[in-house]
Amino acid sequence: MKQLTSLLLLVLALETFANDGVYYTSGNFLVPVKETDVSVKKEILEIKLCKDGYAEVCVDYTLYNNKEGKTVTMAFEAAAPYEAWAPFSREGKHPFIQDFIVLFNGQKLAYRNAIIASQNDRRTDFTPLDLTKWKGYGEVADSLIPMDNILIDPSLPDSFYTFAYAYYFNAPFSKGENTIRHTYRYKMSYGVGRKFEVPYALYPATRWANGKVDDFTLRITSDDTRAILLPNSLFLGTPFKHSRGESHTYQLQHDYGECLFAELMKGDTLEWCCKDFAPHDGMCIRSGTEMRKGVREYATEGKVVVTDDGWEGYYLADSGDNYFAETQEYCLVPKAKARVELREAEKGQGFVFLRSNIQKANVRQGPSKQSAVLFTLDNPEDEMPVGYPCLGVEYNKSEYNAWYKVSVSGKTGYISSRIAVWDSLNL
């Protein structure tokens, strides 16, 4: 029963969202409901990552109508949320899309909404569903809805659709060039290890008459400092340009495959241009925090880069002949003069830090909350955290807890993992 839309499968790689994230919706290319003689000469796609958890999208299209003036019904497909458990909207307005505006040749167009079935062949049928028999989350018992992105017919067992919200408008094309400016905001998705994800469907561009975009530009900005990742599959061959220079973008090979890594500060722009752009996939802008190999909840191992002269930094990925590393800043370290080490708490490596919300912590004689307190550590809120050398880890099965063995001013004791975290470096 758990069918997924092609948009989710191919844009989001949604299997990573099964139990550890929330998907709100994807951005999407405007498409004609039926094949037309209109081609896409130019597209400028601008995506702004906002501090309020939304992505702002502004798309400028230049389209060419090769025949006489005519009206073309166009549509925007917004996939239903997944694991967000927002009540089903019968009006067809997506619960996580705001400020949807279309300007055609400078004039604002009215639009209408509907619910459509999402297809697995990327050729979405924009025919509205008959909602007299279909019901969604919030309209039937929760036990009948295995996922919140489906509709069911309560009268028929195992009868359901994965669905999407559709926005329709009629575009009065003149012969020759026509322009569209499409703007909206949508909620950024998130998951474990990913503070945000911004999926965007690019392949619908191939549904227009020329099957491509003659001149395509992608621009990514942010209203706050953040690091981002972009899968590399769509962006081979032509490098990105960063408004602060190439040193702030990196092509990486890591556990998640090839990707582009970029640092964005307020006012920065990351830009990619391509002629004859015919995408066969989507893209997803992800938070760069998933690269971090240092402090993580209950982490007990991490890789570090060590140079021949003793410098150390967190290993994040490979980048050609270099290691991509982090200390206070991101940097490239030549492989010829460095090595990567795996450090493990169980082997008595790394450091232990008190959690930021802990003001005082007991260091005990043994790995148990019943063990005698040797001394108490202070953890002042406004001071830099102190790292204590880790001497190993012991697990107390009766308490369902791990205890770090630490060295504090020449004394040895144990700190509970419930009030402390481990890190591979003392930075």
Protein backbone atom coordinates (compact mmCIF):
# COMPACT_ATOMS: atom_id res chain seq x y z
CA MET A 1 0.00 0.00 0.00
CA LYS A 2 2.85 2.37 0.62
CA GLN A 3 3.22 3.72 -2.89
CA LEU A 4 5.26 6.87 -3.31
CA THR A 5 5.08 9.49 -6.01
CA SER A 6 7.85 9.75 -8.56
CA LEU A 7 8.51 13.26 -7.33
CA LEU A 8 9.27 11.93 -3.87
CA LEU A 9 11.31 8.99 -5.03
CA LEU A 10 13.37 10.78 -7.62
CA VAL A 11 13.73 14.26 -6.17
CA LEU A 12 14.02 13.44 -2.50
CA ALA A 13 15.46 9.93 -2.39
CA LEU A 14 12.70 9.61 0.18
CA GLU A 15 13.85 6.32 1.66
CA THR A 16 16.04 8.39 3.97
CA PHE A 17 12.88 9.99 5.36
CA ALA A 18 11.20 6.73 6.39
CA ASN A 19 11.35 7.33 10.13
CA ASP A 20 13.74 10.19 10.69
CA GLY A 21 12.49 13.30 8.95
CA VAL A 22 9.64 15.47 7.77
CA TYR A 23 9.01 16.30 4.12
CA TYR A 24 6.79 19.31 3.41
CA THR A 25 6.85 19.72 -0.38
CA SER A 26 9.06 20.31 -3.40
CA GLY A 27 9.55 23.26 -5.66
CA ASN A 28 8.60 22.57 -9.25
CA PHE A 29 8.89 23.78 -12.82
CA LEU A 30 5.74 25.18 -14.44
CA VAL A 31 4.41 22.75 -17.04
CA PRO A 32 1.72 22.81 -19.72
CA VAL A 33 -1.20 20.51 -18.99
CA LYS A 34 -1.06 19.35 -22.61
CA GLU A 35 1.81 19.34 -25.09
CA THR A 36 2.14 22.69 -26.88
CA ASP A 37 4.29 24.44 -29.44
CA VAL A 38 5.71 26.70 -26.74
CA SER A 39 9.41 26.29 -25.98
CA VAL A 40 11.51 27.52 -23.05
CA LYS A 41 14.22 29.90 -24.22
CA LYS A 42 15.44 31.02 -20.83
CA GLU A 43 14.94 30.25 -17.14
CA ILE A 44 16.49 32.00 -14.13
CA LEU A 45 15.75 30.05 -10.96
CA GLU A 46 16.53 31.86 -7.69
CA ILE A 47 16.17 30.06 -4.35
CA LYS A 48 16.66 31.93 -1.10
CA LEU A 49 17.14 30.01 2.15
CA CYS A 50 15.40 31.92 4.94
CA LYS A 51 15.88 32.01 8.69
CA ASP A 52 12.18 31.34 9.28
CA GLY A 53 12.47 27.79 7.89
CA TYR A 54 11.06 28.61 4.45
CA ALA A 55 12.65 28.73 1.01
CA GLU A 56 11.68 31.62 -1.24
CA VAL A 57 11.53 30.82 -4.95
CA CYS A 58 11.53 33.28 -7.82
CA VAL A 59 11.59 31.91 -11.37
CA ASP A 60 11.78 34.07 -14.50
CA TYR A 61 10.90 32.30 -17.74
CA THR A 62 11.20 33.49 -21.30
CA LEU A 63 9.02 31.28 -23.49
CA TYR A 64 8.54 31.34 -27.24
CA ASN A 65 5.23 30.64 -28.96
CA ASN A 66 5.91 29.54 -32.52
CA LYS A 67 2.26 29.88 -33.64
CA GLU A 68 -0.52 32.42 -33.40
CA GLY A 69 -1.75 33.71 -30.06
CA LYS A 70 -3.52 31.14 -27.90
CA THR A 71 -4.38 30.36 -24.29
CA VAL A 72 -2.41 27.55 -22.63
CA THR A 73 -3.58 25.96 -19.38
CA MET A 74 -0.51 25.64 -17.16
CA ALA A 75 -0.13 23.84 -13.86
CA PHE A 76 2.16 23.66 -10.86
CA GLU A 77 2.33 20.36 -8.98
CA ALA A 78 3.13 20.45 -5.24
CA ALA A 79 3.63 17.01 -3.74
CA ALA A 80 1.70 16.27 -0.57
CA PRO A 81 3.55 16.48 2.76
CA TYR A 82 5.03 13.31 4.20
CA GLU A 83 5.33 12.68 7.95
CA ALA A 84 4.12 16.24 8.59
CA TRP A 85 0.58 15.03 9.39
CA ALA A 86 -1.11 18.20 8.23
CA PRO A 87 -4.89 17.89 7.72
CA PHE A 88 -5.92 17.23 4.12
CA SER A 89 -6.96 20.42 2.31
CA ARG A 90 -9.99 19.81 0.08
CA GLU A 91 -9.62 23.27 -1.42
CA GLY A 92 -6.40 22.11 -3.06
CA LYS A 93 -4.18 24.73 -1.42
CA HIS A 94 -0.99 23.21 -0.09
CA PRO A 95 -0.62 23.70 3.69
CA PHE A 96 3.08 24.56 3.43
CA ILE A 97 3.12 26.88 0.40
CA GLN A 98 2.66 30.62 0.83
CA ASP A 99 2.50 33.73 -1.38
CA PHE A 100 1.89 31.90 -4.67
CA ILE A 101 1.98 34.54 -7.45
CA VAL A 102 2.21 34.28 -11.25
CA LEU A 103 2.90 37.30 -13.48
CA PHE A 104 2.41 36.68 -17.20
CA ASN A 105 3.84 39.39 -19.45
CA GLY A 106 3.74 41.62 -16.38
CA GLN A 107 0.10 40.93 -15.51
CA LYS A 108 -0.96 38.98 -12.42
CA LEU A 109 -2.93 35.83 -13.28
CA ALA A 110 -5.71 34.27 -11.24
CA TYR A 111 -5.31 30.58 -10.41
CA ARG A 112 -7.46 27.73 -9.20
CA ASN A 113 -6.61 24.67 -7.13
CA ALA A 114 -7.41 20.98 -7.25
CA ILE A 115 -6.26 17.61 -5.94
CA ILE A 116 -4.58 15.31 -8.45
CA ALA A 117 -3.14 11.79 -8.37
CA SER A 118 0.64 11.62 -8.53
CA GLN A 119 1.99 9.20 -11.13
CA ASN A 120 5.12 7.06 -11.13
CA ASP A 121 6.06 7.82 -14.74
CA ARG A 122 6.67 11.55 -14.25
CA ARG A 123 3.82 12.27 -16.66
CA THR A 124 1.39 13.54 -14.09
CA ASP A 125 -2.26 13.50 -15.10
CA PHE A 126 -3.57 16.90 -14.03
CA THR A 127 -7.19 15.77 -14.12
CA PRO A 128 -8.71 16.66 -10.71
CA LEU A 129 -9.75 13.72 -8.55
CA ASP A 130 -13.40 13.22 -7.69
CA LEU A 131 -13.30 14.01 -3.98
CA THR A 132 -16.83 12.77 -3.31
CA LYS A 133 -15.35 9.35 -2.57
CA TRP A 134 -11.73 10.08 -1.59
CA LYS A 135 -10.74 11.12 1.94
CA GLY A 136 -7.45 12.17 3.47
CA TYR A 137 -5.73 12.54 6.81
CA GLY A 138 -8.02 14.14 9.39
CA GLU A 139 -11.17 12.90 7.66
CA VAL A 140 -11.02 9.21 8.60
CA ALA A 141 -9.64 7.23 11.52
CA ASP A 142 -5.85 7.46 11.80
CA SER A 143 -5.63 3.67 11.68
CA LEU A 144 -6.88 3.74 8.07
CA ILE A 145 -4.16 6.13 6.85
CA PRO A 146 -0.74 4.43 6.62
CA MET A 147 0.85 7.67 5.39
CA ASP A 148 -0.32 11.26 5.28
CA ASN A 149 0.39 11.72 1.56
CA ILE A 150 -2.36 9.35 0.41
CA LEU A 151 -6.12 9.44 -0.10
CA ILE A 152 -8.33 6.45 0.56
CA ASP A 153 -11.81 5.27 -0.44
CA PRO A 154 -13.24 3.94 2.87
CA SER A 155 -15.78 1.81 0.99
CA LEU A 156 -13.09 -0.19 -0.82
CA PRO A 157 -10.29 -2.08 0.97
CA ASP A 158 -6.76 -1.17 -0.11
CA SER A 159 -8.05 1.56 -2.42
CA PHE A 160 -5.83 4.65 -2.31
CA TYR A 161 -3.96 7.30 -4.27
CA THR A 162 -0.77 9.14 -3.53
CA PHE A 163 -1.80 12.69 -4.27
CA ALA A 164 -0.54 16.18 -4.93
CA TYR A 165 -1.91 19.69 -4.76
CA ALA A 166 -2.24 21.42 -8.14
CA TYR A 167 -2.33 25.10 -9.05
CA TYR A 168 -3.80 25.92 -12.48
CA PHE A 169 -3.87 29.13 -14.48
CA ASN A 170 -4.63 30.15 -18.05
CA ALA A 171 -1.75 31.84 -19.83
CA PRO A 172 -2.75 34.05 -22.85
CA PHE A 173 0.28 33.56 -25.10
CA SER A 174 1.03 36.03 -27.87
CA LYS A 175 2.99 34.93 -30.90
CA GLY A 176 6.71 35.16 -30.20
CA GLU A 177 8.32 35.77 -26.81
CA ASN A 178 6.33 35.76 -23.56
CA THR A 179 7.54 36.11 -19.99
CA ILE A 180 6.46 34.51 -16.73
CA ARG A 181 7.59 35.42 -13.23
CA HIS A 182 6.57 32.80 -10.68
CA THR A 183 7.14 33.38 -6.95
CA TYR A 184 6.20 31.42 -3.82
CA ARG A 185 7.52 30.23 -0.47
CA TYR A 186 7.55 26.67 0.82
CA LYS A 187 8.50 25.03 4.07
CA MET A 188 11.94 23.43 4.13
CA SER A 189 11.99 19.74 5.04
CA TYR A 190 14.36 18.29 7.63
CA GLY A 191 15.63 15.03 9.07
CA VAL A 192 18.17 13.45 11.40
CA GLY A 193 21.55 15.04 10.68
CA ARG A 194 19.91 17.46 8.21
CA LYS A 195 18.75 20.81 9.52
CA PHE A 196 17.02 21.52 6.23
CA GLU A 197 16.39 20.09 2.78
CA VAL A 198 15.02 22.02 -0.18
CA PRO A 199 13.95 19.62 -2.94
CA TYR A 200 13.16 21.01 -6.37
CA ALA A 201 11.86 19.19 -9.46
CA LEU A 202 13.79 20.17 -12.59
CA TYR A 203 12.88 17.44 -15.08
CA PRO A 204 9.38 18.82 -15.93
CA ALA A 205 11.26 21.31 -18.14
CA THR A 206 11.49 18.51 -20.69
CA ARG A 207 7.68 18.50 -21.12
CA TRP A 208 7.75 21.66 -23.20
CA ALA A 209 8.00 21.64 -26.99
CA ASN A 210 11.80 21.82 -27.18
CA GLY A 211 12.33 19.28 -24.39
CA LYS A 212 14.88 21.52 -22.69
CA VAL A 213 15.74 25.01 -21.49
CA ASP A 214 17.91 26.82 -24.01
CA ASP A 215 19.58 29.01 -21.37
CA PHE A 216 19.31 28.00 -17.69
CA THR A 217 20.65 29.79 -14.58
CA LEU A 218 20.43 28.64 -10.97
CA ARG A 219 21.12 31.10 -8.15
CA ILE A 220 21.13 30.18 -4.46
CA THR A 221 21.25 32.80 -1.70
CA SER A 222 20.72 32.84 2.06
CA ASP A 223 19.60 35.41 4.59
CA ASP A 224 21.87 33.82 7.20
CA THR A 225 25.28 32.15 7.31
CA ARG A 226 25.06 28.46 6.47
CA ALA A 227 26.81 25.64 4.63
CA ILE A 228 25.00 23.73 1.92
CA LEU A 229 25.39 20.52 -0.08
CA LEU A 230 24.25 19.89 -3.65
CA PRO A 231 24.32 16.49 -5.38
CA ASN A 232 26.77 16.60 -8.23
CA SER A 233 24.94 14.53 -10.85
CA LEU A 234 23.23 17.49 -12.54
CA PHE A 235 26.12 19.89 -12.26
CA LEU A 236 29.08 18.17 -13.90
CA GLY A 237 31.07 19.99 -16.56
CA THR A 238 30.28 23.58 -15.64
CA PRO A 239 31.59 24.94 -12.33
CA PHE A 240 29.60 27.01 -9.86
CA LYS A 241 30.52 30.64 -9.34
CA HIS A 242 30.55 32.07 -5.84
CA SER A 243 30.19 35.81 -5.30
CA ARG A 244 33.12 35.65 -2.86
CA GLY A 245 35.31 33.55 -5.14
CA GLU A 246 35.92 29.89 -5.93
CA SER A 247 37.64 29.22 -2.59
CA HIS A 248 34.23 29.01 -0.93
CA THR A 249 32.95 26.14 -3.09
CA TYR A 250 34.33 22.60 -3.09
CA GLN A 251 33.73 19.48 -5.18
CA LEU A 252 33.73 16.57 -2.74
CA GLN A 253 33.61 12.80 -2.64
CA HIS A 254 32.25 11.45 0.64
CA ASP A 255 29.97 8.83 2.16
CA TYR A 256 26.92 10.30 0.41
CA GLY A 257 28.55 10.31 -3.05
CA GLU A 258 29.80 13.26 -5.06
CA CYS A 259 28.51 16.69 -4.15
CA LEU A 260 29.20 20.38 -4.17
CA PHE A 261 29.83 22.00 -0.79
CA ALA A 262 29.51 25.76 -0.39
CA GLU A 263 29.61 28.30 2.40
CA LEU A 264 26.95 30.98 2.10
CA MET A 265 26.89 34.17 4.12
CA LYS A 266 24.17 36.79 4.05
CA GLY A 267 24.29 38.45 0.65
CA ASP A 268 26.30 35.68 -1.03
CA THR A 269 25.17 34.17 -4.33
CA LEU A 270 26.03 30.74 -5.69
CA GLU A 271 25.40 30.56 -9.45
CA TRP A 272 25.41 27.82 -12.10
CA CYS A 273 24.65 28.31 -15.80
CA CYS A 274 24.01 25.82 -18.57
CA LYS A 275 23.02 25.92 -22.24
CA ASP A 276 20.55 23.36 -23.62
CA PHE A 277 19.63 22.19 -20.12
CA ALA A 278 17.62 18.94 -20.32
CA PRO A 279 17.53 17.58 -16.75
CA HIS A 280 16.49 14.00 -16.13
CA ASP A 281 16.51 14.33 -12.36
CA GLY A 282 15.70 16.76 -9.59
CA MET A 283 17.96 18.51 -7.15
CA CYS A 284 17.97 18.92 -3.40
CA ILE A 285 19.77 21.62 -1.45
CA ARG A 286 20.81 20.16 1.89
CA SER A 287 22.33 21.55 5.04
CA GLY A 288 26.08 21.03 5.24
CA THR A 289 25.82 19.85 8.83
CA GLU A 290 25.55 16.24 7.68
CA MET A 291 29.24 16.47 6.72
CA ARG A 292 30.22 17.12 10.33
CA LYS A 293 32.15 14.21 11.81
CA GLY A 294 32.81 15.70 15.23
CA VAL A 295 30.36 16.15 18.10
CA ARG A 296 27.14 14.23 17.58
CA GLU A 297 24.62 12.79 19.98
CA TYR A 298 26.15 9.61 21.43
CA ALA A 299 28.95 9.50 18.83
CA THR A 300 31.92 7.39 19.94
CA GLU A 301 34.17 7.59 16.87
CA GLY A 302 35.27 10.15 14.29
CA LYS A 303 37.86 10.68 11.59
CA VAL A 304 40.55 13.36 11.84
CA VAL A 305 43.12 14.70 9.39
CA VAL A 306 46.66 14.80 10.79
CA THR A 307 49.43 16.58 8.86
CA ASP A 308 53.11 15.70 8.96
CA ASP A 309 53.81 18.76 11.12
CA GLY A 310 51.13 17.83 13.68
CA TRP A 311 48.13 19.96 12.64
CA GLU A 312 44.77 18.26 13.23
CA GLY A 313 41.27 18.88 11.92
CA TYR A 314 37.99 17.05 11.43
CA TYR A 315 37.96 14.93 8.26
CA LEU A 316 34.84 15.66 6.21
CA ALA A 317 35.50 14.29 2.73
CA ASP A 318 37.98 13.82 -0.10
CA SER A 319 38.45 16.54 -2.71
CA GLY A 320 40.71 15.27 -5.49
CA ASP A 321 44.29 15.32 -4.21
CA ASN A 322 43.20 16.96 -0.95
CA TYR A 323 41.31 16.15 2.22
CA PHE A 324 38.45 18.49 3.03
CA ALA A 325 38.75 19.31 6.73
CA GLU A 326 37.31 21.60 9.38
CA THR A 327 38.61 23.34 12.47
CA GLN A 328 37.18 26.80 13.00
CA GLU A 329 37.02 27.09 9.21
CA TYR A 330 36.82 24.71 6.25
CA CYS A 331 40.06 24.00 4.41
CA LEU A 332 41.82 21.73 1.92
CA VAL A 333 44.78 19.68 3.15
CA PRO A 334 47.13 18.04 0.59
CA LYS A 335 46.97 14.26 0.89
CA ALA A 336 50.69 13.98 0.20
CA LYS A 337 51.46 15.65 3.53
CA ALA A 338 48.70 14.23 5.73
CA ARG A 339 46.82 11.11 6.78
CA VAL A 340 43.34 10.28 8.08
CA GLU A 341 42.97 8.61 11.47
CA LEU A 342 39.90 6.99 13.00
CA ARG A 343 39.66 7.85 16.68
CA GLU A 344 37.43 5.85 18.99
CA ALA A 345 36.24 6.46 22.52
CA GLU A 346 36.44 2.74 23.30
CA LYS A 347 40.18 2.83 22.56
CA GLY A 348 40.74 5.71 24.94
CA GLN A 349 41.00 8.38 22.27
CA GLY A 350 39.39 11.79 21.92
CA PHE A 351 37.79 14.06 24.51
CA VAL A 352 34.67 14.28 26.63
CA PHE A 353 32.66 17.50 27.01
CA LEU A 354 29.78 18.30 29.35
CA ARG A 355 26.54 19.00 27.50
CA SER A 356 25.73 22.70 27.11
CA ASN A 357 22.60 22.47 29.27
CA ILE A 358 24.49 20.90 32.20
CA GLN A 359 25.77 23.36 34.82
CA LYS A 360 27.33 20.86 37.21
CA ALA A 361 28.37 17.23 36.69
CA ASN A 362 29.46 14.52 39.08
CA VAL A 363 32.56 12.50 38.30
CA ARG A 364 32.10 9.08 39.90
CA GLN A 365 34.49 6.42 41.06
CA GLY A 366 32.92 3.75 38.85
CA PRO A 367 30.60 3.47 35.81
CA SER A 368 27.34 3.63 37.75
CA LYS A 369 25.07 6.27 39.24
CA GLN A 370 25.33 4.30 42.48
CA SER A 371 29.11 4.77 42.59
CA ALA A 372 30.66 7.30 44.95
CA VAL A 373 31.16 10.88 43.74
CA LEU A 374 34.84 11.75 43.46
CA PHE A 375 34.31 15.43 42.68
CA THR A 376 31.97 17.78 40.82
CA LEU A 377 32.72 19.74 37.65
CA ASP A 378 31.36 23.20 36.90
CA ASN A 379 30.24 24.06 33.37
CA PRO A 380 29.85 27.87 33.22
CA GLU A 381 27.40 28.92 30.52
CA ASP A 382 29.45 31.81 29.09
CA GLU A 383 32.83 30.08 28.96
CA MET A 384 34.44 27.85 26.35
CA PRO A 385 33.69 24.16 27.00
CA VAL A 386 36.48 22.13 28.53
CA GLY A 387 37.51 18.83 26.93
CA TYR A 388 38.64 16.06 29.26
CA PRO A 389 40.87 13.29 27.81
CA CYS A 390 38.84 10.15 27.20
CA LEU A 391 40.38 6.93 28.57
CA GLY A 392 37.66 4.57 27.36
CA VAL A 393 33.95 3.73 27.55
CA GLU A 394 32.17 1.24 29.77
CA TYR A 395 28.53 0.17 29.36
CA ASN A 396 26.22 -0.38 32.31
CA LYS A 397 23.52 -2.71 31.01
CA SER A 398 21.40 -2.46 34.14
CA GLU A 399 21.19 1.32 33.72
CA TYR A 400 20.98 1.26 29.91
CA ASN A 401 23.79 3.78 29.92
CA ALA A 402 27.36 4.34 28.78
CA TRP A 403 30.01 5.91 30.99
CA TYR A 404 33.08 7.75 29.75
CA LYS A 405 36.29 7.13 31.65
CA VAL A 406 38.06 10.50 31.86
CA SER A 407 41.17 12.15 33.19
CA VAL A 408 40.60 15.39 35.11
CA SER A 409 43.62 17.19 36.59
CA GLY A 410 45.47 13.92 36.98
CA LYS A 411 42.50 12.12 38.54
CA THR A 412 40.53 9.34 36.87
CA GLY A 413 36.77 8.93 37.08
CA TYR A 414 33.56 8.31 35.10
CA ILE A 415 31.00 10.68 33.56
CA SER A 416 27.59 9.54 32.33
CA SER A 417 26.90 9.84 28.59
CA ARG A 418 23.53 11.33 29.57
CA ILE A 419 25.29 14.52 30.64
CA ALA A 420 28.35 14.43 28.35
CA VAL A 421 29.31 13.98 24.71
CA TRP A 422 32.44 12.62 23.07
CA ASP A 423 34.47 14.33 20.34
CA SER A 424 37.48 13.23 18.34
CA LEU A 425 39.28 16.58 18.88
CA ASN A 426 39.57 19.21 21.58
CA LEU A 427 38.65 22.26 19.50
